[in-house]
Amino acid sequence: MEAHSRGTIGAAVFATVALGLAVACARPAPRAHIVEIRGFAYLPAMLEVAAGDTIVWLNRDAVPHTATPDGQAWDSESIDVEQSWRLVAAPRGSHPYYCTFHPSMRGELVVR
C-alpha cells in the first residue's frame, strides 16, 4: 500500500508542477512600446500596456520635453533632443501625464 501512496503523491506533485508551468507559460512576455514626442505632442497620446512592459519616450522635437504624471509617481525630468527615457509600467491604472515645459502637451498611460 505504501508504494501506491507514493505513486499517488508523485502524480499529484507532477500535476501541480505541470499546471504551474502551464500558467507561467501562458503569461505573455513583457513588451516594449515607443511614445514619440514630435510636433509638441505624444504619439500615441494614449497608450495601453501590461504591467511590466517598458515604455520608451523618444524626443524627436527641436526642444526638450518631459513626461510627468499628474500625481508625479514617476518623472522623466528633461528629455533632450534626440534622447529617450524609459519606464517599466506599474502600478495598474490610468496615468495622465504632461510636459512640465509645455503643459498643453498631454498624454495618458493605461497599465492593465
Protein backbone atom coordinates (compact mmCIF):
# COMPACT_ATOMS: atom_id res chain seq x y z
CA MET A 1 0.00 0.00 0.00
CA GLU A 2 2.92 2.36 0.69
CA ALA A 3 4.15 2.14 -2.93
CA HIS A 4 0.66 3.04 -4.16
CA SER A 5 0.57 6.11 -1.87
CA ARG A 6 3.96 7.29 -3.11
CA GLY A 7 2.79 6.90 -6.70
CA THR A 8 -0.32 8.94 -5.99
CA ILE A 9 1.70 11.64 -4.23
CA GLY A 10 4.24 11.68 -7.06
CA ALA A 11 1.47 12.04 -9.63
CA ALA A 12 -0.10 14.86 -7.63
CA VAL A 13 3.23 16.68 -7.36
CA PHE A 14 3.86 16.23 -11.10
CA ALA A 15 0.37 17.55 -11.94
CA THR A 16 0.86 20.58 -9.68
CA VAL A 17 4.26 21.40 -11.22
CA ALA A 18 2.90 20.92 -14.76
CA LEU A 19 -0.06 23.20 -14.01
CA GLY A 20 2.28 25.85 -12.58
CA LEU A 21 4.46 25.71 -15.69
CA ALA A 22 1.41 25.97 -17.95
CA VAL A 23 0.21 29.07 -16.09
CA ALA A 24 3.70 30.62 -16.18
CA CYS A 25 3.94 29.94 -19.92
CA ALA A 26 0.51 31.46 -20.52
CA ARG A 27 1.67 34.90 -19.34
CA PRO A 28 2.90 36.99 -22.23
CA ALA A 29 6.47 38.21 -22.08
CA PRO A 30 6.91 41.94 -21.30
CA ARG A 31 6.85 44.13 -24.40
CA ALA A 32 8.49 47.42 -25.31
CA HIS A 33 6.40 50.38 -26.53
CA ILE A 34 7.58 53.68 -28.02
CA VAL A 35 5.95 57.05 -27.48
CA GLU A 36 7.38 59.53 -29.95
CA ILE A 37 7.46 63.17 -28.94
CA ARG A 38 7.00 65.10 -32.17
CA GLY A 39 5.25 68.35 -33.09
CA PHE A 40 4.73 69.16 -29.38
CA ALA A 41 2.63 66.01 -28.96
CA TYR A 42 2.95 62.50 -27.55
CA LEU A 43 2.37 59.90 -30.28
CA PRO A 44 0.31 57.92 -29.44
CA ALA A 45 -1.43 60.25 -27.00
CA MET A 46 -2.98 57.27 -25.17
CA LEU A 47 -1.08 54.04 -24.73
CA GLU A 48 -2.41 50.88 -23.09
CA VAL A 49 0.21 48.44 -21.80
CA ALA A 50 0.52 45.45 -19.48
CA ALA A 51 2.17 45.81 -16.08
CA GLY A 52 5.85 45.02 -16.53
CA ASP A 53 6.02 46.35 -20.11
CA THR A 54 8.63 49.00 -20.91
CA ILE A 55 7.64 52.35 -22.37
CA VAL A 56 10.27 54.47 -24.13
CA TRP A 57 9.61 58.17 -24.71
CA LEU A 58 11.71 59.32 -27.68
CA ASN A 59 12.09 63.07 -28.24
CA ARG A 60 12.03 63.92 -31.95
CA ASP A 61 11.29 67.62 -31.37
CA ALA A 62 13.77 70.51 -31.54
CA VAL A 63 13.37 71.31 -27.82
CA PRO A 64 13.49 69.31 -24.55
CA HIS A 65 10.31 67.81 -23.08
CA THR A 66 9.24 65.78 -20.04
CA ALA A 67 6.77 63.01 -19.32
CA THR A 68 5.41 63.89 -15.88
CA PRO A 69 2.27 62.26 -14.46
CA ASP A 70 -0.36 64.38 -12.70
CA GLY A 71 0.36 62.56 -9.40
CA GLN A 72 4.13 62.58 -10.05
CA ALA A 73 4.51 58.85 -9.28
CA TRP A 74 7.39 58.98 -11.77
CA ASP A 75 9.04 61.75 -13.76
CA SER A 76 11.29 61.64 -16.79
CA GLU A 77 12.80 65.02 -15.98
CA SER A 78 14.17 66.70 -19.12
CA ILE A 79 14.38 64.51 -22.23
CA ASP A 80 16.78 66.32 -24.54
CA VAL A 81 16.51 66.46 -28.33
CA GLU A 82 17.04 63.01 -29.90
CA GLN A 83 17.25 61.42 -26.44
CA SER A 84 14.94 58.93 -24.76
CA TRP A 85 13.70 57.92 -21.34
CA ARG A 86 12.25 54.56 -20.30
CA LEU A 87 9.86 53.35 -17.64
CA VAL A 88 8.72 49.87 -16.61
CA ALA A 89 4.94 50.14 -16.32
CA ALA A 90 3.46 49.94 -12.81
CA PRO A 91 1.19 50.40 -10.94
CA ARG A 92 -2.02 49.42 -12.71
CA GLY A 93 -4.49 52.14 -13.61
CA SER A 94 -4.76 55.28 -15.69
CA HIS A 95 -1.82 57.70 -15.52
CA PRO A 96 -2.42 61.03 -17.28
CA TYR A 97 0.83 62.89 -17.89
CA TYR A 98 2.08 66.14 -19.39
CA CYS A 99 5.23 68.08 -20.28
CA THR A 100 6.29 70.43 -17.48
CA PHE A 101 7.85 72.78 -20.05
CA HIS A 102 4.73 72.76 -22.28
CA PRO A 103 1.69 71.97 -20.08
CA SER A 104 -0.69 71.83 -23.04
CA MET A 105 1.08 68.61 -24.12
CA ARG A 106 -0.96 65.78 -22.57
CA GLY A 107 -0.80 62.01 -22.76
CA GLU A 108 -2.19 59.01 -20.92
CA LEU A 109 -0.60 55.73 -19.94
CA VAL A 110 -3.06 52.94 -19.07
CA VAL A 111 -1.49 49.99 -17.26
CA ARG A 112 -3.64 46.85 -17.17
